[in-house]
Amino acid sequence: MEIEDAATAFMALGQGTRLDLMRALLAAGPSGVAAGMLAERLSVPGSTLSFHLRALEQAGLVAATRQGRSLIYAAQIDRLRALIGFLTEACCNGAPERCGDLHRLLPETPPMTQVFNVLFLCTRNSARSVMAEAILHKIGQGRFRAFSAGSDPATEGPLPEVLQQLKALGHDTSALRSKSWDEFTAPDAPRMDFVIALCDTLAGQACPDFGETVLTAAWPLPDPAKFSGSAAERATLLNELYAALQRRLGIFTALPFATLDRIALKARLDELAQPQASAGA
């Protein structure tokens, strides 16, 4: 970081309300916080909050994305780390570990691990979203909690051949069921960090409001319920669908969440919708 950039950042932080804002945004993590919620938490008038957020944004310390009618602000972690690195890079003649605990603030310090809630959606919640829930539950290694739901859930439950395939691949299917997305809009429902739709239109319905800070993505994949052909051909198509989801979710779980701001994270999610992501290219 150049000294002029560092001076601009420190000038932006040199005010009490802005420091409170940065602490609130850092506490929220990469999902960010809606501007209205920030104003309420800090008891700051909206116009005053906008002024301070604009100063922090101009210094590159925060960034905003639009979610519906709301602006969601998130701290720019890389920028803050660079600022701390600027202060400490010359410490103790280049050996900051000699300065007590100061070296713990350096950019290479591993961040704390956050557990993310991920909801997968498709119309019937009988195949694609159920597969994704099972895969993420298995490969998430405790860092992700996976859920699935649909706009018009199948009364008969997940497709039997999907459950058979998942069992054959070592997945626990005992908790898998077809359910309405209304279960995840109730006041006591778990707060989602990511909502990923696996079909194009969800039967023409608009997704419900899962909260202002949730990050959304669409990864359209073919509906197994519409597969035709012999049993062998259907099995092949199911295997291809499973492989596509596993590849995408493998990339998703490997993303550096602690170092990606909200804008970059949304871009990476959207990239995974591209055919090459499911093809492993």
Protein backbone atom coordinates (compact mmCIF):
# COMPACT_ATOMS: atom_id res chain seq x y z
CA MET A 1 0.00 0.00 0.00
CA GLU A 2 1.23 3.48 -0.90
CA ILE A 3 1.55 6.06 1.85
CA GLU A 4 -1.09 8.30 0.22
CA ASP A 5 -3.59 5.43 0.21
CA ALA A 6 -2.82 4.66 3.84
CA ALA A 7 -3.24 8.32 4.82
CA THR A 8 -6.63 8.47 3.05
CA ALA A 9 -7.81 5.33 4.86
CA PHE A 10 -6.67 6.57 8.26
CA MET A 11 -8.36 9.93 7.66
CA ALA A 12 -11.62 8.12 6.85
CA LEU A 13 -11.34 6.10 10.07
CA GLY A 14 -10.47 9.11 12.19
CA GLN A 15 -14.00 9.67 13.49
CA GLY A 16 -15.98 7.85 16.18
CA THR A 17 -19.08 6.98 14.18
CA ARG A 18 -16.99 5.58 11.34
CA LEU A 19 -15.03 3.39 13.73
CA ASP A 20 -18.33 2.09 15.11
CA LEU A 21 -19.46 1.41 11.54
CA MET A 22 -16.31 -0.53 10.71
CA ARG A 23 -16.64 -2.64 13.87
CA ALA A 24 -20.26 -3.42 13.05
CA LEU A 25 -19.41 -4.39 9.47
CA LEU A 26 -16.48 -6.54 10.54
CA ALA A 27 -18.73 -8.32 13.04
CA ALA A 28 -21.23 -9.04 10.25
CA GLY A 29 -18.63 -10.76 8.06
CA PRO A 30 -18.80 -11.05 4.25
CA SER A 31 -22.63 -11.10 4.18
CA GLY A 32 -22.66 -7.44 5.20
CA VAL A 33 -25.42 -5.37 6.81
CA ALA A 34 -28.25 -3.32 5.33
CA ALA A 35 -27.87 0.43 5.72
CA GLY A 36 -31.17 0.70 7.57
CA MET A 37 -30.11 -1.96 10.06
CA LEU A 38 -26.81 -0.16 10.64
CA ALA A 39 -28.64 3.09 11.36
CA GLU A 40 -30.87 1.31 13.87
CA ARG A 41 -28.02 -0.51 15.61
CA LEU A 42 -25.88 2.60 15.96
CA SER A 43 -28.78 5.02 16.59
CA VAL A 44 -27.52 7.25 13.78
CA PRO A 45 -29.89 9.24 11.49
CA GLY A 46 -30.02 7.94 7.95
CA SER A 47 -28.55 11.07 6.38
CA THR A 48 -25.64 11.08 8.84
CA LEU A 49 -25.02 7.40 8.26
CA SER A 50 -24.95 7.89 4.49
CA PHE A 51 -22.35 10.64 4.87
CA HIS A 52 -20.03 8.44 6.92
CA LEU A 53 -20.56 5.36 4.73
CA ARG A 54 -19.71 7.42 1.66
CA ALA A 55 -16.44 8.54 3.26
CA LEU A 56 -15.51 4.94 4.10
CA GLU A 57 -16.50 3.77 0.62
CA GLN A 58 -14.39 6.47 -1.05
CA ALA A 59 -11.42 5.26 1.00
CA GLY A 60 -12.02 1.70 -0.23
CA LEU A 61 -12.81 0.41 3.26
CA VAL A 62 -16.41 -0.62 2.57
CA ALA A 63 -18.41 -1.54 -0.53
CA ALA A 64 -22.13 -1.72 -1.24
CA THR A 65 -24.31 -4.06 -3.27
CA ARG A 66 -28.02 -3.68 -3.94
CA GLN A 67 -30.42 -6.33 -2.65
CA GLY A 68 -33.94 -5.40 -3.76
CA ARG A 69 -34.54 -1.90 -2.44
CA SER A 70 -31.78 -2.08 0.15
CA LEU A 71 -28.08 -1.29 -0.01
CA ILE A 72 -25.98 -3.91 1.77
CA TYR A 73 -22.59 -2.72 3.04
CA ALA A 74 -19.64 -5.00 3.76
CA ALA A 75 -16.13 -4.32 5.01
CA GLN A 76 -13.31 -4.66 2.48
CA ILE A 77 -11.16 -7.14 4.37
CA ASP A 78 -8.22 -7.09 1.97
CA ARG A 79 -8.02 -3.31 2.20
CA LEU A 80 -7.99 -3.39 6.00
CA ARG A 81 -5.33 -6.08 6.05
CA ALA A 82 -3.20 -4.05 3.69
CA LEU A 83 -3.59 -1.07 6.01
CA ILE A 84 -2.47 -3.08 9.02
CA GLY A 85 0.37 -4.54 6.99
CA PHE A 86 1.49 -1.03 6.05
CA LEU A 87 1.84 -0.18 9.75
CA THR A 88 3.61 -3.36 10.76
CA GLU A 89 5.83 -4.23 7.80
CA ALA A 90 8.82 -2.31 9.21
CA CYS A 91 8.23 -3.29 12.83
CA CYS A 92 11.37 -4.43 14.69
CA ASN A 93 13.44 -4.22 11.54
CA GLY A 94 11.10 -6.49 9.61
CA ALA A 95 10.57 -9.00 12.43
CA PRO A 96 7.15 -8.05 13.91
CA GLU A 97 7.01 -11.27 15.95
CA ARG A 98 9.46 -9.54 18.29
CA CYS A 99 6.80 -6.91 19.09
CA GLY A 100 4.66 -9.04 21.38
CA ASP A 101 1.32 -9.99 19.85
CA LEU A 102 1.47 -7.40 17.11
CA HIS A 103 2.41 -10.00 14.50
CA ARG A 104 -1.01 -11.60 14.99
CA LEU A 105 -2.54 -8.67 13.10
CA LEU A 106 -0.55 -9.23 9.92
CA PRO A 107 -2.38 -10.20 6.69
CA GLU A 108 -1.26 -13.81 6.77
CA THR A 109 -2.92 -14.46 10.12
CA PRO A 110 -5.54 -17.20 9.57
CA PRO A 111 -9.05 -15.83 10.16
CA MET A 112 -11.63 -17.44 12.41
CA THR A 113 -13.88 -19.93 10.63
CA GLN A 114 -17.52 -18.97 10.18
CA VAL A 115 -20.33 -21.49 9.71
CA PHE A 116 -22.59 -20.60 6.78
CA ASN A 117 -26.22 -21.61 6.22
CA VAL A 118 -26.99 -22.49 2.59
CA LEU A 119 -30.49 -23.06 1.20
CA PHE A 120 -30.99 -24.80 -2.16
CA LEU A 121 -34.24 -24.22 -4.04
CA CYS A 122 -36.07 -25.95 -6.87
CA THR A 123 -39.75 -26.20 -7.69
CA ARG A 124 -40.57 -29.65 -6.29
CA ASN A 125 -37.65 -30.10 -3.87
CA SER A 126 -37.50 -33.70 -4.96
CA ALA A 127 -34.17 -34.09 -6.81
CA ARG A 128 -31.69 -31.30 -7.58
CA SER A 129 -32.03 -29.38 -4.32
CA VAL A 130 -32.14 -32.61 -2.30
CA MET A 131 -28.92 -33.77 -4.01
CA ALA A 132 -27.24 -30.45 -3.30
CA GLU A 133 -28.29 -30.56 0.36
CA ALA A 134 -26.85 -34.06 0.78
CA ILE A 135 -23.60 -33.24 -1.04
CA LEU A 136 -22.91 -30.04 0.89
CA HIS A 137 -23.78 -31.72 4.17
CA LYS A 138 -21.11 -34.33 3.43
CA ILE A 139 -18.32 -32.16 2.01
CA GLY A 140 -18.97 -29.04 4.11
CA GLN A 141 -16.96 -30.50 7.01
CA GLY A 142 -18.94 -28.61 9.64
CA ARG A 143 -18.31 -25.22 7.95
CA PHE A 144 -21.66 -25.25 6.14
CA ARG A 145 -25.20 -26.16 7.17
CA ALA A 146 -27.22 -27.30 4.16
CA PHE A 147 -30.99 -27.00 3.65
CA SER A 148 -33.35 -27.43 0.70
CA ALA A 149 -36.91 -26.43 -0.14
CA GLY A 150 -39.29 -25.80 -3.04
CA SER A 151 -42.05 -23.50 -4.20
CA ASP A 152 -44.37 -26.47 -4.80
CA PRO A 153 -42.87 -29.38 -2.84
CA ALA A 154 -43.67 -32.91 -3.97
CA THR A 155 -46.24 -34.51 -1.66
CA GLU A 156 -44.70 -37.91 -2.35
CA GLY A 157 -41.26 -36.72 -1.24
CA PRO A 158 -37.90 -36.96 -3.04
CA LEU A 159 -37.64 -39.17 -6.11
CA PRO A 160 -36.88 -42.76 -5.01
CA GLU A 161 -34.12 -43.14 -7.60
CA VAL A 162 -32.44 -39.98 -6.26
CA LEU A 163 -32.49 -41.33 -2.71
CA GLN A 164 -31.16 -44.68 -3.95
CA GLN A 165 -28.30 -42.97 -5.75
CA LEU A 166 -27.40 -40.87 -2.71
CA LYS A 167 -27.43 -43.92 -0.44
CA ALA A 168 -25.22 -45.82 -2.88
CA LEU A 169 -22.74 -42.93 -2.78
CA GLY A 170 -22.54 -42.97 1.00
CA HIS A 171 -24.94 -40.14 1.91
CA ASP A 172 -27.24 -40.21 4.92
CA THR A 173 -30.74 -39.72 3.48
CA SER A 174 -32.75 -40.19 6.69
CA ALA A 175 -33.48 -36.47 7.11
CA LEU A 176 -34.14 -35.67 3.44
CA ARG A 177 -37.70 -34.64 2.64
CA SER A 178 -39.59 -32.37 0.25
CA LYS A 179 -40.70 -29.17 2.00
CA SER A 180 -41.97 -25.69 1.28
CA TRP A 181 -39.70 -22.70 1.28
CA ASP A 182 -42.23 -21.12 3.68
CA GLU A 183 -40.49 -23.07 6.46
CA PHE A 184 -37.50 -20.80 6.02
CA THR A 185 -39.34 -17.49 6.20
CA ALA A 186 -40.77 -18.01 9.69
CA PRO A 187 -39.41 -15.83 12.53
CA ASP A 188 -37.72 -18.81 14.19
CA ALA A 189 -36.21 -20.19 10.96
CA PRO A 190 -32.42 -20.31 10.65
CA ARG A 191 -30.96 -17.20 9.01
CA MET A 192 -29.58 -18.01 5.57
CA ASP A 193 -26.26 -16.71 4.30
CA PHE A 194 -26.71 -18.10 0.78
CA VAL A 195 -29.80 -19.05 -1.25
CA ILE A 196 -29.08 -20.91 -4.48
CA ALA A 197 -31.81 -21.70 -7.01
CA LEU A 198 -31.16 -24.78 -9.13
CA CYS A 199 -33.87 -24.26 -11.74
CA ASP A 200 -34.69 -21.34 -14.02
CA THR A 201 -38.09 -20.12 -12.92
CA LEU A 202 -39.23 -21.97 -9.78
CA ALA A 203 -42.58 -22.52 -11.55
CA GLY A 204 -42.77 -18.82 -12.38
CA GLN A 205 -42.82 -17.73 -8.74
CA ALA A 206 -40.70 -15.02 -7.20
CA CYS A 207 -38.52 -16.18 -4.34
CA PRO A 208 -39.68 -15.07 -0.89
CA ASP A 209 -37.70 -12.64 1.21
CA PHE A 210 -35.01 -14.54 3.09
CA GLY A 211 -33.51 -11.39 4.60
CA GLU A 212 -31.66 -8.40 3.28
CA THR A 213 -28.14 -9.70 3.73
CA VAL A 214 -28.52 -13.12 2.08
CA LEU A 215 -26.45 -13.68 -1.07
CA THR A 216 -28.41 -15.29 -3.90
CA ALA A 217 -27.39 -17.17 -7.03
CA ALA A 218 -29.01 -19.23 -9.80
CA TRP A 219 -27.34 -22.42 -11.03
CA PRO A 220 -29.89 -23.78 -13.55
CA LEU A 221 -29.71 -27.54 -13.97
CA PRO A 222 -31.98 -30.01 -15.78
CA ASP A 223 -34.96 -31.46 -13.88
CA PRO A 224 -34.60 -35.24 -13.32
CA ALA A 225 -38.39 -35.55 -13.16
CA LYS A 226 -38.42 -34.70 -16.88
CA PHE A 227 -35.74 -37.23 -17.83
CA SER A 228 -36.89 -39.86 -20.32
CA GLY A 229 -35.35 -42.97 -21.75
CA SER A 230 -34.31 -46.34 -20.42
CA ALA A 231 -33.38 -47.05 -16.83
CA ALA A 232 -29.69 -47.06 -17.82
CA GLU A 233 -30.03 -43.70 -19.57
CA ARG A 234 -31.83 -42.19 -16.57
CA ALA A 235 -29.11 -43.50 -14.26
CA THR A 236 -26.47 -41.89 -16.48
CA LEU A 237 -28.30 -38.56 -16.44
CA LEU A 238 -28.63 -38.67 -12.63
CA ASN A 239 -24.92 -39.43 -12.33
CA GLU A 240 -24.10 -36.45 -14.55
CA LEU A 241 -26.34 -34.18 -12.46
CA TYR A 242 -24.74 -35.41 -9.24
CA ALA A 243 -21.25 -34.85 -10.66
CA ALA A 244 -22.14 -31.32 -11.80
CA LEU A 245 -23.41 -30.41 -8.33
CA GLN A 246 -20.44 -31.99 -6.61
CA ARG A 247 -17.98 -30.03 -8.77
CA ARG A 248 -19.75 -26.73 -8.21
CA LEU A 249 -20.08 -27.27 -4.48
CA GLY A 250 -16.48 -28.37 -4.25
CA ILE A 251 -15.45 -25.04 -5.75
CA PHE A 252 -17.94 -23.19 -3.55
CA THR A 253 -16.66 -24.69 -0.30
CA ALA A 254 -13.06 -23.90 -1.28
CA LEU A 255 -13.71 -20.17 -1.77
CA PRO A 256 -11.67 -17.90 0.54
CA PHE A 257 -14.75 -16.51 2.29
CA ALA A 258 -12.80 -14.57 4.91
CA THR A 259 -10.91 -12.56 2.28
CA LEU A 260 -13.71 -11.97 -0.24
CA ASP A 261 -15.92 -8.93 0.12
CA ARG A 262 -19.61 -9.13 -0.71
CA ILE A 263 -19.22 -7.97 -4.31
CA ALA A 264 -16.43 -10.43 -5.06
CA LEU A 265 -18.30 -13.28 -3.37
CA LYS A 266 -21.43 -12.59 -5.42
CA ALA A 267 -19.34 -12.59 -8.58
CA ARG A 268 -17.79 -15.96 -7.70
CA LEU A 269 -21.23 -17.44 -7.02
CA ASP A 270 -22.48 -16.23 -10.40
CA GLU A 271 -19.41 -17.67 -12.13
CA LEU A 272 -20.39 -21.11 -10.83
CA ALA A 273 -23.59 -20.91 -12.87
CA GLN A 274 -21.56 -21.11 -16.08
CA PRO A 275 -21.48 -24.45 -17.94
CA GLN A 276 -17.72 -24.78 -17.49
CA ALA A 277 -18.20 -24.89 -13.71
CA SER A 278 -20.42 -27.96 -13.97
CA ALA A 279 -18.17 -29.45 -16.64
CA GLY A 280 -15.09 -29.14 -14.47
CA ALA A 281 -13.25 -27.04 -17.05
